Amino acid sequence: MTLKQIVSLIILIPVGIILIAFIIANRASVALSLNPFDTADTSLVYHAPLFVWLFLALIIGIIIGGITVWFTQHRFRKALKDTQTELQGLKMDMSKKPDLTKTDLTVVDHS
């Protein structure tokens, strides 16, 4: 095993134990009401254990955060693509030019 795998196990095993303990401790059914104006309206009330609602909120937050990061990094991906395209063009130009020898180069002193 590599050091990275050992560190991952040292972190993931306690986190897994804590999550399992959290699930066992929060099995009671909790009502989620989506109608803030009429709490007696049962058509928009959903019942599930508390850990289900918390994990659902966590998953939705991870998805929204990932989408947000993906959109904010668009300009960097575009700049990388443009730079790669320019680099490929320069490589093509260099491959079309004849080989330069030391006698073909002119040294210019700008001092």
C-alpha atoms as a PDB file:
ATOM      1  CA  MET A   1       0.000   0.000   0.000  1.00  0.00           C
ATOM      2  CA  THR A   2       1.144   3.494  -0.738  1.00  0.00           C
ATOM      3  CA  LEU A   3       1.249   6.312   1.772  1.00  0.00           C
ATOM      4  CA  LYS A   4      -1.682   7.993   0.023  1.00  0.00           C
ATOM      5  CA  GLN A   5      -3.840   4.873   0.415  1.00  0.00           C
ATOM      6  CA  ILE A   6      -2.897   4.523   4.077  1.00  0.00           C
ATOM      7  CA  VAL A   7      -3.776   8.160   4.791  1.00  0.00           C
ATOM      8  CA  SER A   8      -7.061   7.718   2.920  1.00  0.00           C
ATOM      9  CA  LEU A   9      -7.927   4.709   5.044  1.00  0.00           C
ATOM     10  CA  ILE A  10      -6.974   6.528   8.239  1.00  0.00           C
ATOM     11  CA  ILE A  11      -9.400   9.315   7.275  1.00  0.00           C
ATOM     12  CA  LEU A  12     -12.197   7.313   5.624  1.00  0.00           C
ATOM     13  CA  ILE A  13     -12.625   4.597   8.257  1.00  0.00           C
ATOM     14  CA  PRO A  14     -13.413   7.024  11.129  1.00  0.00           C
ATOM     15  CA  VAL A  15     -15.647   9.114   8.833  1.00  0.00           C
ATOM     16  CA  GLY A  16     -17.537   5.960   7.830  1.00  0.00           C
ATOM     17  CA  ILE A  17     -17.960   4.913  11.466  1.00  0.00           C
ATOM     18  CA  ILE A  18     -19.244   8.384  12.373  1.00  0.00           C
ATOM     19  CA  LEU A  19     -21.718   8.337   9.448  1.00  0.00           C
ATOM     20  CA  ILE A  20     -23.034   4.914  10.437  1.00  0.00           C
ATOM     21  CA  ALA A  21     -23.452   6.064  14.057  1.00  0.00           C
ATOM     22  CA  PHE A  22     -25.237   9.209  12.804  1.00  0.00           C
ATOM     23  CA  ILE A  23     -27.618   7.135  10.676  1.00  0.00           C
ATOM     24  CA  ILE A  24     -28.432   4.791  13.549  1.00  0.00           C
ATOM     25  CA  ALA A  25     -29.008   7.692  15.965  1.00  0.00           C
ATOM     26  CA  ASN A  26     -31.295   9.639  13.567  1.00  0.00           C
ATOM     27  CA  ARG A  27     -33.783   7.063  12.329  1.00  0.00           C
ATOM     28  CA  ALA A  28     -36.855   8.917  13.563  1.00  0.00           C
ATOM     29  CA  SER A  29     -39.203  10.174  10.871  1.00  0.00           C
ATOM     30  CA  VAL A  30     -39.159  13.918  10.288  1.00  0.00           C
ATOM     31  CA  ALA A  31     -41.703  15.895   8.276  1.00  0.00           C
ATOM     32  CA  LEU A  32     -40.503  18.207   5.537  1.00  0.00           C
ATOM     33  CA  SER A  33     -43.186  20.759   4.685  1.00  0.00           C
ATOM     34  CA  LEU A  34     -42.837  22.616   1.394  1.00  0.00           C
ATOM     35  CA  ASN A  35     -45.741  24.965   2.092  1.00  0.00           C
ATOM     36  CA  PRO A  36     -44.571  27.663   4.539  1.00  0.00           C
ATOM     37  CA  PHE A  37     -47.964  29.430   4.599  1.00  0.00           C
ATOM     38  CA  ASP A  38     -50.184  26.479   5.544  1.00  0.00           C
ATOM     39  CA  THR A  39     -48.423  23.921   7.685  1.00  0.00           C
ATOM     40  CA  ALA A  40     -51.621  21.894   8.022  1.00  0.00           C
ATOM     41  CA  ASP A  41     -51.635  21.201   4.256  1.00  0.00           C
ATOM     42  CA  THR A  42     -50.589  17.556   3.995  1.00  0.00           C
ATOM     43  CA  SER A  43     -50.234  17.504   0.215  1.00  0.00           C
ATOM     44  CA  LEU A  44     -46.774  19.086   0.368  1.00  0.00           C
ATOM     45  CA  VAL A  45     -45.460  17.286   3.451  1.00  0.00           C
ATOM     46  CA  TYR A  46     -42.958  14.467   3.071  1.00  0.00           C
ATOM     47  CA  HIS A  47     -41.858  12.134   5.845  1.00  0.00           C
ATOM     48  CA  ALA A  48     -38.421  10.510   5.986  1.00  0.00           C
ATOM     49  CA  PRO A  49     -35.691   9.887   8.557  1.00  0.00           C
ATOM     50  CA  LEU A  50     -33.585  12.928   9.442  1.00  0.00           C
ATOM     51  CA  PHE A  51     -30.396  11.459   7.979  1.00  0.00           C
ATOM     52  CA  VAL A  52     -32.133  11.115   4.583  1.00  0.00           C
ATOM     53  CA  TRP A  53     -32.959  14.835   4.502  1.00  0.00           C
ATOM     54  CA  LEU A  54     -29.436  15.781   5.602  1.00  0.00           C
ATOM     55  CA  PHE A  55     -27.743  13.524   3.041  1.00  0.00           C
ATOM     56  CA  LEU A  56     -30.106  14.789   0.345  1.00  0.00           C
ATOM     57  CA  ALA A  57     -29.195  18.381   1.221  1.00  0.00           C
ATOM     58  CA  LEU A  58     -25.489  17.456   1.176  1.00  0.00           C
ATOM     59  CA  ILE A  59     -25.775  15.781  -2.233  1.00  0.00           C
ATOM     60  CA  ILE A  60     -27.698  18.712  -3.704  1.00  0.00           C
ATOM     61  CA  GLY A  61     -25.091  21.128  -2.299  1.00  0.00           C
ATOM     62  CA  ILE A  62     -22.245  19.123  -3.828  1.00  0.00           C
ATOM     63  CA  ILE A  63     -23.984  19.078  -7.216  1.00  0.00           C
ATOM     64  CA  ILE A  64     -24.741  22.821  -7.151  1.00  0.00           C
ATOM     65  CA  GLY A  65     -21.182  23.589  -6.010  1.00  0.00           C
ATOM     66  CA  GLY A  66     -19.697  21.440  -8.779  1.00  0.00           C
ATOM     67  CA  ILE A  67     -21.839  23.087 -11.434  1.00  0.00           C
ATOM     68  CA  THR A  68     -20.905  26.537 -10.112  1.00  0.00           C
ATOM     69  CA  VAL A  69     -17.185  25.742 -10.190  1.00  0.00           C
ATOM     70  CA  TRP A  70     -17.510  24.271 -13.676  1.00  0.00           C
ATOM     71  CA  PHE A  71     -19.140  27.464 -14.991  1.00  0.00           C
ATOM     72  CA  THR A  72     -16.689  29.796 -13.237  1.00  0.00           C
ATOM     73  CA  GLN A  73     -13.712  27.916 -14.686  1.00  0.00           C
ATOM     74  CA  HIS A  74     -15.017  28.220 -18.245  1.00  0.00           C
ATOM     75  CA  ARG A  75     -12.730  31.147 -19.039  1.00  0.00           C
ATOM     76  CA  PHE A  76      -9.654  29.169 -17.959  1.00  0.00           C
ATOM     77  CA  ARG A  77     -10.634  26.162 -20.080  1.00  0.00           C
ATOM     78  CA  LYS A  78     -11.226  28.480 -23.050  1.00  0.00           C
ATOM     79  CA  ALA A  79      -7.839  30.166 -22.557  1.00  0.00           C
ATOM     80  CA  LEU A  80      -6.148  26.761 -22.362  1.00  0.00           C
ATOM     81  CA  LYS A  81      -7.859  25.610 -25.547  1.00  0.00           C
ATOM     82  CA  ASP A  82      -6.875  28.819 -27.360  1.00  0.00           C
ATOM     83  CA  THR A  83      -3.277  28.464 -26.180  1.00  0.00           C
ATOM     84  CA  GLN A  84      -3.137  24.832 -27.296  1.00  0.00           C
ATOM     85  CA  THR A  85      -4.542  25.768 -30.707  1.00  0.00           C
ATOM     86  CA  GLU A  86      -1.947  28.538 -31.052  1.00  0.00           C
ATOM     87  CA  LEU A  87       0.826  26.147 -30.006  1.00  0.00           C
ATOM     88  CA  GLN A  88      -0.260  23.593 -32.604  1.00  0.00           C
ATOM     89  CA  GLY A  89      -0.257  26.327 -35.261  1.00  0.00           C
ATOM     90  CA  LEU A  90       3.243  27.411 -34.267  1.00  0.00           C
ATOM     91  CA  LYS A  91       4.466  23.822 -34.393  1.00  0.00           C
ATOM     92  CA  MET A  92       3.013  23.468 -37.884  1.00  0.00           C
ATOM     93  CA  ASP A  93       4.753  26.703 -38.959  1.00  0.00           C
ATOM     94  CA  MET A  94       8.056  25.519 -37.515  1.00  0.00           C
ATOM     95  CA  SER A  95       7.802  22.179 -39.299  1.00  0.00           C
ATOM     96  CA  LYS A  96       7.269  23.949 -42.655  1.00  0.00           C
ATOM     97  CA  LYS A  97      10.328  26.197 -42.301  1.00  0.00           C
ATOM     98  CA  PRO A  98      13.730  24.923 -43.436  1.00  0.00           C
ATOM     99  CA  ASP A  99      16.308  24.049 -40.803  1.00  0.00           C
ATOM    100  CA  LEU A 100      18.391  26.998 -39.711  1.00  0.00           C
ATOM    101  CA  THR A 101      22.120  26.596 -39.359  1.00  0.00           C
ATOM    102  CA  LYS A 102      24.505  28.764 -37.398  1.00  0.00           C
ATOM    103  CA  THR A 103      25.590  30.543 -40.569  1.00  0.00           C
ATOM    104  CA  ASP A 104      21.993  31.611 -41.306  1.00  0.00           C
ATOM    105  CA  LEU A 105      21.556  33.399 -38.006  1.00  0.00           C
ATOM    106  CA  THR A 106      22.281  37.089 -37.687  1.00  0.00           C
ATOM    107  CA  VAL A 107      23.266  38.395 -34.287  1.00  0.00           C
ATOM    108  CA  VAL A 108      21.998  41.874 -33.539  1.00  0.00           C
ATOM    109  CA  ASP A 109      23.482  43.773 -30.611  1.00  0.00           C
ATOM    110  CA  HIS A 110      20.970  46.282 -29.197  1.00  0.00           C
ATOM    111  CA  SER A 111      23.283  47.832 -26.619  1.00  0.00           C
END
